[in-house]
Amino acid sequence: MNAEIIKLAEQFAKQQLESDTSGHDWWHIHRVRRLALELARHEDADPFICELAALLHDVADEKLNESKEAGLWKVRHWLEGQGVELKTIEEVMTIIATMSFNGGKNPPMETIEGKVVQDADRLDALGAIGIARTFLYSGFKGHLLHYPEADFETFEKLDYRSDKKTAIYHFYEKLLKLKDLLNTQHAKKIAAKRHQFMLDFLTQFCEEWEMKDYKDI
């Protein structure tokens, strides 16, 4: 039964996200699922819950739906329609509802499965993939690449979802913070190399932009 639900969830996620151009496409889901299963093995977490939540997490993403509530309803309705038991539905929905970064305002995960899936999603926002996804999403939203005259304190006063921010600022408001927000030890090991890659990228970016150093942005 679990294997069939996973197969159906994969089909549902592909149908919902395979045409996405914001960086939350099917291949993002594929990578997060793979990472979640790897972390689940290291953390002795329930692989079924982790895989199911990983597959469905961005189907409910508020950035891709009319609202957070609409996205969550879509996933719950689908799970109920597949005859998934209530306990599993509640576990998966709790993970999906609280795993987003959301400016760092979401409450901490209470279960190891939630911690695993959240870490897997955050790892995909780091390193080379994270950099690529940042610029893909910024282009999708029409954000500027960088605005050196802007004071970052000005950006900090804006809403987290504001379209007036830049791609480079996103590194500072989110990506560079993720390494220290991960839950599991294995995720932290993976994150170390990816985090350093982003620092190296920012150093090179600033050199080409003819600024002293990324820290001076």
C-alpha atoms as a PDB file:
ATOM      1  CA  MET A   1       0.000   0.000   0.000  1.00  0.00           C
ATOM      2  CA  ASN A   2       2.764   2.478   0.922  1.00  0.00           C
ATOM      3  CA  ALA A   3       4.616   1.828  -2.335  1.00  0.00           C
ATOM      4  CA  GLU A   4       1.460   2.503  -4.337  1.00  0.00           C
ATOM      5  CA  ILE A   5       0.823   5.771  -2.480  1.00  0.00           C
ATOM      6  CA  ILE A   6       4.400   6.885  -3.168  1.00  0.00           C
ATOM      7  CA  LYS A   7       3.976   6.069  -6.860  1.00  0.00           C
ATOM      8  CA  LEU A   8       0.743   8.063  -7.017  1.00  0.00           C
ATOM      9  CA  ALA A   9       2.309  10.965  -5.099  1.00  0.00           C
ATOM     10  CA  GLU A  10       5.166  11.043  -7.575  1.00  0.00           C
ATOM     11  CA  GLN A  11       2.693  11.210 -10.467  1.00  0.00           C
ATOM     12  CA  PHE A  12       0.714  13.955  -8.730  1.00  0.00           C
ATOM     13  CA  ALA A  13       3.818  16.040  -8.009  1.00  0.00           C
ATOM     14  CA  LYS A  14       5.015  15.686 -11.601  1.00  0.00           C
ATOM     15  CA  GLN A  15       1.629  16.709 -12.938  1.00  0.00           C
ATOM     16  CA  GLN A  16       1.532  19.768 -10.684  1.00  0.00           C
ATOM     17  CA  LEU A  17       5.143  20.922 -10.991  1.00  0.00           C
ATOM     18  CA  GLU A  18       6.885  19.584 -14.079  1.00  0.00           C
ATOM     19  CA  SER A  19       6.223  22.833 -16.008  1.00  0.00           C
ATOM     20  CA  ASP A  20       7.266  25.128 -13.153  1.00  0.00           C
ATOM     21  CA  THR A  21       9.917  27.711 -14.074  1.00  0.00           C
ATOM     22  CA  SER A  22      10.466  29.244 -10.627  1.00  0.00           C
ATOM     23  CA  GLY A  23      12.928  26.656  -9.292  1.00  0.00           C
ATOM     24  CA  HIS A  24      10.237  24.608  -7.539  1.00  0.00           C
ATOM     25  CA  ASP A  25       9.873  22.144 -10.390  1.00  0.00           C
ATOM     26  CA  TRP A  26       9.788  18.346 -10.444  1.00  0.00           C
ATOM     27  CA  TRP A  27      13.574  18.056 -10.395  1.00  0.00           C
ATOM     28  CA  HIS A  28      13.706  20.056  -7.174  1.00  0.00           C
ATOM     29  CA  ILE A  29      11.218  17.559  -5.739  1.00  0.00           C
ATOM     30  CA  HIS A  30      13.344  14.672  -7.028  1.00  0.00           C
ATOM     31  CA  ARG A  31      16.466  16.024  -5.328  1.00  0.00           C
ATOM     32  CA  VAL A  32      14.671  16.746  -2.050  1.00  0.00           C
ATOM     33  CA  ARG A  33      13.186  13.247  -2.023  1.00  0.00           C
ATOM     34  CA  ARG A  34      16.621  11.707  -2.580  1.00  0.00           C
ATOM     35  CA  LEU A  35      18.170  13.808   0.192  1.00  0.00           C
ATOM     36  CA  ALA A  36      15.259  13.091   2.554  1.00  0.00           C
ATOM     37  CA  LEU A  37      15.685   9.350   2.126  1.00  0.00           C
ATOM     38  CA  GLU A  38      19.438   9.652   2.693  1.00  0.00           C
ATOM     39  CA  LEU A  39      18.906  11.674   5.867  1.00  0.00           C
ATOM     40  CA  ALA A  40      16.144   9.332   7.028  1.00  0.00           C
ATOM     41  CA  ARG A  41      18.590   6.412   6.921  1.00  0.00           C
ATOM     42  CA  HIS A  42      21.090   8.310   9.044  1.00  0.00           C
ATOM     43  CA  GLU A  43      18.495   9.564  11.524  1.00  0.00           C
ATOM     44  CA  ASP A  44      16.375   6.391  11.773  1.00  0.00           C
ATOM     45  CA  ALA A  45      13.303   8.324  10.599  1.00  0.00           C
ATOM     46  CA  ASP A  46      10.232   6.800   8.957  1.00  0.00           C
ATOM     47  CA  PRO A  47      11.177   6.683   5.254  1.00  0.00           C
ATOM     48  CA  PHE A  48       7.549   6.542   4.079  1.00  0.00           C
ATOM     49  CA  ILE A  49       6.555   9.745   5.888  1.00  0.00           C
ATOM     50  CA  CYS A  50       9.748  11.478   4.777  1.00  0.00           C
ATOM     51  CA  GLU A  51       9.381  10.475   1.144  1.00  0.00           C
ATOM     52  CA  LEU A  52       5.675  11.318   0.969  1.00  0.00           C
ATOM     53  CA  ALA A  53       6.158  14.755   2.541  1.00  0.00           C
ATOM     54  CA  ALA A  54       9.152  15.463   0.302  1.00  0.00           C
ATOM     55  CA  LEU A  55       7.160  14.591  -2.809  1.00  0.00           C
ATOM     56  CA  LEU A  56       4.197  16.792  -1.891  1.00  0.00           C
ATOM     57  CA  HIS A  57       5.779  19.733  -0.088  1.00  0.00           C
ATOM     58  CA  ASP A  58       5.884  22.182  -2.994  1.00  0.00           C
ATOM     59  CA  VAL A  59       2.489  21.212  -4.350  1.00  0.00           C
ATOM     60  CA  ALA A  60       1.268  23.180  -1.343  1.00  0.00           C
ATOM     61  CA  ASP A  61       3.823  25.999  -1.537  1.00  0.00           C
ATOM     62  CA  GLU A  62       2.149  29.354  -1.034  1.00  0.00           C
ATOM     63  CA  LYS A  63       4.315  30.857  -3.789  1.00  0.00           C
ATOM     64  CA  LEU A  64       2.658  28.517  -6.283  1.00  0.00           C
ATOM     65  CA  ASN A  65      -0.930  28.741  -5.014  1.00  0.00           C
ATOM     66  CA  GLU A  66      -3.495  31.447  -4.334  1.00  0.00           C
ATOM     67  CA  SER A  67      -2.629  31.211  -0.636  1.00  0.00           C
ATOM     68  CA  LYS A  68      -0.940  28.953   1.898  1.00  0.00           C
ATOM     69  CA  GLU A  69      -4.343  27.652   2.939  1.00  0.00           C
ATOM     70  CA  ALA A  70      -5.314  26.827  -0.646  1.00  0.00           C
ATOM     71  CA  GLY A  71      -2.095  24.916  -1.190  1.00  0.00           C
ATOM     72  CA  LEU A  72      -2.481  22.920   2.012  1.00  0.00           C
ATOM     73  CA  TRP A  73      -6.088  22.103   1.197  1.00  0.00           C
ATOM     74  CA  LYS A  74      -5.034  20.812  -2.241  1.00  0.00           C
ATOM     75  CA  VAL A  75      -2.566  18.354  -0.698  1.00  0.00           C
ATOM     76  CA  ARG A  76      -4.903  17.233   2.108  1.00  0.00           C
ATOM     77  CA  HIS A  77      -7.736  16.706  -0.364  1.00  0.00           C
ATOM     78  CA  TRP A  78      -5.454  14.587  -2.538  1.00  0.00           C
ATOM     79  CA  LEU A  79      -4.233  12.474   0.407  1.00  0.00           C
ATOM     80  CA  GLU A  80      -7.778  11.873   1.593  1.00  0.00           C
ATOM     81  CA  GLY A  81      -8.778  10.885  -1.931  1.00  0.00           C
ATOM     82  CA  GLN A  82      -6.089   8.187  -1.968  1.00  0.00           C
ATOM     83  CA  GLY A  83      -7.405   6.668   1.245  1.00  0.00           C
ATOM     84  CA  VAL A  84      -4.271   7.516   3.226  1.00  0.00           C
ATOM     85  CA  GLU A  85      -4.833   6.875   6.934  1.00  0.00           C
ATOM     86  CA  LEU A  86      -5.597   9.928   9.052  1.00  0.00           C
ATOM     87  CA  LYS A  87      -2.491   9.635  11.244  1.00  0.00           C
ATOM     88  CA  THR A  88      -0.240   9.716   8.186  1.00  0.00           C
ATOM     89  CA  ILE A  89      -2.151  12.642   6.694  1.00  0.00           C
ATOM     90  CA  GLU A  90      -1.738  14.657   9.891  1.00  0.00           C
ATOM     91  CA  GLU A  91       1.985  13.913  10.084  1.00  0.00           C
ATOM     92  CA  VAL A  92       2.585  14.870   6.465  1.00  0.00           C
ATOM     93  CA  MET A  93       0.439  18.004   6.624  1.00  0.00           C
ATOM     94  CA  THR A  94       2.184  19.212   9.797  1.00  0.00           C
ATOM     95  CA  ILE A  95       5.559  18.829   8.093  1.00  0.00           C
ATOM     96  CA  ILE A  96       4.463  20.632   4.941  1.00  0.00           C
ATOM     97  CA  ALA A  97       2.745  23.455   6.857  1.00  0.00           C
ATOM     98  CA  THR A  98       5.818  24.297   8.943  1.00  0.00           C
ATOM     99  CA  MET A  99       8.871  23.427   6.825  1.00  0.00           C
ATOM    100  CA  SER A 100       9.151  26.667   4.847  1.00  0.00           C
ATOM    101  CA  PHE A 101      11.837  29.188   5.807  1.00  0.00           C
ATOM    102  CA  ASN A 102       9.277  32.033   5.728  1.00  0.00           C
ATOM    103  CA  GLY A 103      11.794  34.620   6.828  1.00  0.00           C
ATOM    104  CA  GLY A 104      12.829  32.395   9.725  1.00  0.00           C
ATOM    105  CA  LYS A 105       9.446  32.791  11.426  1.00  0.00           C
ATOM    106  CA  ASN A 106       8.088  29.231  11.296  1.00  0.00           C
ATOM    107  CA  PRO A 107       8.155  27.202  14.529  1.00  0.00           C
ATOM    108  CA  PRO A 108      10.758  24.415  14.889  1.00  0.00           C
ATOM    109  CA  MET A 109       9.952  20.915  13.696  1.00  0.00           C
ATOM    110  CA  GLU A 110       8.852  18.562  16.480  1.00  0.00           C
ATOM    111  CA  THR A 111       9.392  15.180  14.783  1.00  0.00           C
ATOM    112  CA  ILE A 112      12.533  13.648  13.313  1.00  0.00           C
ATOM    113  CA  GLU A 113      10.660  13.144  10.036  1.00  0.00           C
ATOM    114  CA  GLY A 114       9.867  16.848   9.912  1.00  0.00           C
ATOM    115  CA  LYS A 115      13.475  17.728  10.657  1.00  0.00           C
ATOM    116  CA  VAL A 116      14.696  15.397   7.918  1.00  0.00           C
ATOM    117  CA  VAL A 117      12.393  16.777   5.210  1.00  0.00           C
ATOM    118  CA  GLN A 118      13.054  20.373   6.198  1.00  0.00           C
ATOM    119  CA  ASP A 119      16.807  19.758   6.068  1.00  0.00           C
ATOM    120  CA  ALA A 120      16.521  18.085   2.670  1.00  0.00           C
ATOM    121  CA  ASP A 121      14.618  21.064   1.271  1.00  0.00           C
ATOM    122  CA  ARG A 122      17.096  23.533   2.744  1.00  0.00           C
ATOM    123  CA  LEU A 123      20.087  21.629   1.382  1.00  0.00           C
ATOM    124  CA  ASP A 124      18.676  22.089  -2.110  1.00  0.00           C
ATOM    125  CA  ALA A 125      18.807  25.850  -1.512  1.00  0.00           C
ATOM    126  CA  LEU A 126      22.572  25.678  -0.915  1.00  0.00           C
ATOM    127  CA  GLY A 127      25.622  25.213  -3.115  1.00  0.00           C
ATOM    128  CA  ALA A 128      25.658  25.317  -6.915  1.00  0.00           C
ATOM    129  CA  ILE A 129      22.027  24.219  -7.167  1.00  0.00           C
ATOM    130  CA  GLY A 130      21.001  26.835  -4.614  1.00  0.00           C
ATOM    131  CA  ILE A 131      22.771  29.578  -6.563  1.00  0.00           C
ATOM    132  CA  ALA A 132      21.157  28.455  -9.821  1.00  0.00           C
ATOM    133  CA  ARG A 133      17.720  28.319  -8.224  1.00  0.00           C
ATOM    134  CA  THR A 134      18.150  31.774  -6.708  1.00  0.00           C
ATOM    135  CA  PHE A 135      18.758  33.395 -10.070  1.00  0.00           C
ATOM    136  CA  LEU A 136      16.060  31.315 -11.737  1.00  0.00           C
ATOM    137  CA  TYR A 137      13.507  32.466  -9.160  1.00  0.00           C
ATOM    138  CA  SER A 138      14.715  36.081  -9.329  1.00  0.00           C
ATOM    139  CA  GLY A 139      14.263  36.066 -13.100  1.00  0.00           C
ATOM    140  CA  PHE A 140      10.853  34.464 -12.706  1.00  0.00           C
ATOM    141  CA  LYS A 141       9.811  37.261 -10.318  1.00  0.00           C
ATOM    142  CA  GLY A 142      11.520  40.060 -12.247  1.00  0.00           C
ATOM    143  CA  HIS A 143      13.969  40.937  -9.477  1.00  0.00           C
ATOM    144  CA  LEU A 144      17.130  42.932 -10.117  1.00  0.00           C
ATOM    145  CA  LEU A 145      20.411  41.025 -10.050  1.00  0.00           C
ATOM    146  CA  HIS A 146      22.068  43.463  -7.647  1.00  0.00           C
ATOM    147  CA  TYR A 147      21.651  47.076  -6.590  1.00  0.00           C
ATOM    148  CA  PRO A 148      24.912  48.184  -4.941  1.00  0.00           C
ATOM    149  CA  GLU A 149      23.647  51.624  -3.978  1.00  0.00           C
ATOM    150  CA  ALA A 150      20.908  50.125  -1.795  1.00  0.00           C
ATOM    151  CA  ASP A 151      21.456  49.851   1.931  1.00  0.00           C
ATOM    152  CA  PHE A 152      20.656  46.312   3.071  1.00  0.00           C
ATOM    153  CA  GLU A 153      18.838  47.789   6.060  1.00  0.00           C
ATOM    154  CA  THR A 154      16.315  49.140   3.573  1.00  0.00           C
ATOM    155  CA  PHE A 155      15.673  45.628   2.254  1.00  0.00           C
ATOM    156  CA  GLU A 156      15.356  44.278   5.792  1.00  0.00           C
ATOM    157  CA  LYS A 157      12.361  46.521   6.408  1.00  0.00           C
ATOM    158  CA  LEU A 158      10.474  45.055   3.451  1.00  0.00           C
ATOM    159  CA  ASP A 159       8.139  42.075   3.652  1.00  0.00           C
ATOM    160  CA  TYR A 160       9.943  38.755   3.128  1.00  0.00           C
ATOM    161  CA  ARG A 161       8.002  38.161  -0.115  1.00  0.00           C
ATOM    162  CA  SER A 162       8.602  41.675  -1.447  1.00  0.00           C
ATOM    163  CA  ASP A 163       9.414  41.933  -5.158  1.00  0.00           C
ATOM    164  CA  LYS A 164      11.646  44.961  -4.544  1.00  0.00           C
ATOM    165  CA  LYS A 165      14.622  42.904  -3.332  1.00  0.00           C
ATOM    166  CA  THR A 166      17.545  41.603  -5.394  1.00  0.00           C
ATOM    167  CA  ALA A 167      18.972  38.186  -6.185  1.00  0.00           C
ATOM    168  CA  ILE A 168      22.191  38.912  -4.293  1.00  0.00           C
ATOM    169  CA  TYR A 169      20.320  40.119  -1.226  1.00  0.00           C
ATOM    170  CA  HIS A 170      18.572  36.734  -1.033  1.00  0.00           C
ATOM    171  CA  PHE A 171      21.893  35.169  -0.079  1.00  0.00           C
ATOM    172  CA  TYR A 172      21.981  37.363   3.017  1.00  0.00           C
ATOM    173  CA  GLU A 173      18.345  37.160   4.038  1.00  0.00           C
ATOM    174  CA  LYS A 174      18.186  33.358   3.693  1.00  0.00           C
ATOM    175  CA  LEU A 175      20.830  31.215   2.020  1.00  0.00           C
ATOM    176  CA  LEU A 176      23.814  32.078   4.211  1.00  0.00           C
ATOM    177  CA  LYS A 177      21.700  31.494   7.328  1.00  0.00           C
ATOM    178  CA  LEU A 178      20.575  27.978   6.438  1.00  0.00           C
ATOM    179  CA  LYS A 179      23.746  26.133   7.473  1.00  0.00           C
ATOM    180  CA  ASP A 180      23.188  27.098  11.098  1.00  0.00           C
ATOM    181  CA  LEU A 181      19.463  26.324  10.993  1.00  0.00           C
ATOM    182  CA  LEU A 182      19.749  22.677   9.946  1.00  0.00           C
ATOM    183  CA  ASN A 183      18.425  20.057  12.337  1.00  0.00           C
ATOM    184  CA  THR A 184      20.454  16.912  11.690  1.00  0.00           C
ATOM    185  CA  GLN A 185      24.167  16.203  11.910  1.00  0.00           C
ATOM    186  CA  HIS A 186      24.364  14.516   8.518  1.00  0.00           C
ATOM    187  CA  ALA A 187      22.679  17.493   6.847  1.00  0.00           C
ATOM    188  CA  LYS A 188      25.184  19.809   8.520  1.00  0.00           C
ATOM    189  CA  LYS A 189      28.050  17.792   7.055  1.00  0.00           C
ATOM    190  CA  ILE A 190      26.574  18.061   3.564  1.00  0.00           C
ATOM    191  CA  ALA A 191      25.875  21.772   4.050  1.00  0.00           C
ATOM    192  CA  ALA A 192      29.440  22.741   4.988  1.00  0.00           C
ATOM    193  CA  LYS A 193      30.835  22.304   1.456  1.00  0.00           C
ATOM    194  CA  ARG A 194      27.796  23.881  -0.173  1.00  0.00           C
ATOM    195  CA  HIS A 195      27.931  26.896   2.140  1.00  0.00           C
ATOM    196  CA  GLN A 196      31.602  27.480   1.349  1.00  0.00           C
ATOM    197  CA  PHE A 197      30.846  27.258  -2.365  1.00  0.00           C
ATOM    198  CA  MET A 198      28.351  30.112  -1.986  1.00  0.00           C
ATOM    199  CA  LEU A 199      30.888  32.230  -0.109  1.00  0.00           C
ATOM    200  CA  ASP A 200      33.418  31.628  -2.871  1.00  0.00           C
ATOM    201  CA  PHE A 201      30.809  32.577  -5.449  1.00  0.00           C
ATOM    202  CA  LEU A 202      29.998  35.839  -3.667  1.00  0.00           C
ATOM    203  CA  THR A 203      33.687  36.690  -3.414  1.00  0.00           C
ATOM    204  CA  GLN A 204      34.092  36.166  -7.153  1.00  0.00           C
ATOM    205  CA  PHE A 205      30.858  38.056  -7.892  1.00  0.00           C
ATOM    206  CA  CYS A 206      32.065  41.081  -5.948  1.00  0.00           C
ATOM    207  CA  GLU A 207      35.482  40.951  -7.574  1.00  0.00           C
ATOM    208  CA  GLU A 208      33.850  41.075 -11.001  1.00  0.00           C
ATOM    209  CA  TRP A 209      31.491  43.839  -9.830  1.00  0.00           C
ATOM    210  CA  GLU A 210      34.606  45.725  -8.648  1.00  0.00           C
ATOM    211  CA  MET A 211      33.706  45.767  -4.982  1.00  0.00           C
ATOM    212  CA  LYS A 212      36.099  44.955  -2.152  1.00  0.00           C
ATOM    213  CA  ASP A 213      34.507  41.836  -0.753  1.00  0.00           C
ATOM    214  CA  TYR A 214      31.094  40.260  -0.351  1.00  0.00           C
ATOM    215  CA  LYS A 215      31.119  41.251   3.331  1.00  0.00           C
ATOM    216  CA  ASP A 216      31.121  44.898   2.271  1.00  0.00           C
ATOM    217  CA  ILE A 217      27.867  44.581   0.321  1.00  0.00           C
END
